[in-house]
Amino acid sequence: VDVCVVIGANDVVNPDARENEGSPIYGMPVIEVDRAKTVFVLKRSMASGFAGIDNPLFLKENTRMLFGDAKESISTLVSEFKS
């Protein structure tokens, strides 16, 4: 996958669920978005999800964080690709 866009998700895209045996979500099925060449994550903040843990996806080299209102952010992102 070349590009993946994540809107507002946290725990369900956390690679620790498959990589970190010490994580409280280890073994939980997740969407493996971190395997994409580029990941755009649209969130309001870096706040943790329901599990209350950090998400290393947000710090990976292939991840770009876009903070703010998701509707505005996705509109901006789409317009950038159109130009």
Protein backbone atom coordinates (compact mmCIF):
# COMPACT_ATOMS: atom_id res chain seq x y z
CA VAL A 1 0.00 0.00 0.00
CA ASP A 2 1.40 3.38 -0.97
CA VAL A 3 -0.74 5.71 1.14
CA CYS A 4 -3.02 5.18 4.10
CA VAL A 5 -5.23 7.81 5.72
CA VAL A 6 -6.27 7.28 9.34
CA ILE A 7 -9.02 9.53 10.66
CA GLY A 8 -9.35 9.72 14.42
CA ALA A 9 -8.31 6.13 15.15
CA ASN A 10 -5.81 5.24 17.83
CA ASP A 11 -5.77 1.81 19.46
CA VAL A 12 -7.04 -0.04 16.36
CA VAL A 13 -3.98 1.12 14.39
CA ASN A 14 -1.39 0.72 17.16
CA PRO A 15 1.46 -1.55 16.01
CA ASP A 16 2.25 -2.41 19.64
CA ALA A 17 -0.69 -4.81 19.48
CA ARG A 18 1.45 -7.12 17.35
CA GLU A 19 5.01 -6.04 18.18
CA ASN A 20 5.17 -5.36 21.92
CA GLU A 21 4.40 -8.36 24.13
CA GLY A 22 4.39 -6.10 27.19
CA SER A 23 1.64 -3.90 25.81
CA PRO A 24 -1.83 -4.18 27.34
CA ILE A 25 -3.24 -4.43 23.81
CA TYR A 26 -0.80 -7.11 22.63
CA GLY A 27 -2.67 -9.69 20.57
CA MET A 28 -5.58 -7.38 19.79
CA PRO A 29 -6.41 -7.38 16.08
CA VAL A 30 -5.40 -4.09 14.49
CA ILE A 31 -5.35 -2.52 11.06
CA GLU A 32 -1.71 -2.66 9.95
CA VAL A 33 -1.53 0.86 8.54
CA ASP A 34 2.10 1.23 9.60
CA ARG A 35 3.08 -1.07 6.74
CA ALA A 36 2.04 1.54 4.17
CA LYS A 37 4.76 3.61 2.53
CA THR A 38 3.14 6.80 3.85
CA VAL A 39 0.55 7.15 6.60
CA PHE A 40 -1.46 10.32 7.18
CA VAL A 41 -3.06 10.44 10.62
CA LEU A 42 -5.76 13.05 11.23
CA LYS A 43 -6.36 13.68 14.92
CA ARG A 44 -7.26 16.55 17.19
CA SER A 45 -4.27 15.87 19.47
CA MET A 46 -1.67 13.29 20.50
CA ALA A 47 -3.98 12.08 23.27
CA SER A 48 -4.08 8.35 23.90
CA GLY A 49 -7.02 6.19 22.92
CA PHE A 50 -9.32 4.06 25.06
CA ALA A 51 -6.44 1.83 26.21
CA GLY A 52 -4.64 4.87 27.61
CA ILE A 53 -1.30 4.05 25.99
CA ASP A 54 0.95 5.84 23.52
CA ASN A 55 0.84 4.86 19.87
CA PRO A 56 4.29 4.46 18.30
CA LEU A 57 2.70 4.76 14.85
CA PHE A 58 2.53 8.50 15.39
CA LEU A 59 6.32 8.71 15.71
CA LYS A 60 7.32 6.49 12.79
CA GLU A 61 9.24 7.98 9.85
CA ASN A 62 6.50 7.11 7.37
CA THR A 63 3.77 8.84 9.40
CA ARG A 64 2.59 12.40 8.91
CA MET A 65 0.36 13.86 11.61
CA LEU A 66 -2.31 16.41 10.69
CA PHE A 67 -3.88 17.99 13.76
CA GLY A 68 -7.24 19.69 13.81
CA ASP A 69 -10.77 19.16 12.57
CA ALA A 70 -10.81 16.03 10.38
CA LYS A 71 -13.19 17.45 7.78
CA GLU A 72 -11.01 20.51 7.25
CA SER A 73 -7.82 18.45 7.31
CA ILE A 74 -9.01 15.92 4.74
CA SER A 75 -10.25 18.72 2.48
CA THR A 76 -6.83 20.36 2.66
CA LEU A 77 -5.08 17.06 2.03
CA VAL A 78 -7.22 16.30 -1.02
CA SER A 79 -6.68 19.77 -2.45
CA GLU A 80 -2.90 19.33 -2.09
CA PHE A 81 -3.03 16.15 -4.14
CA LYS A 82 -5.16 17.82 -6.80
CA SER A 83 -2.69 20.64 -7.36
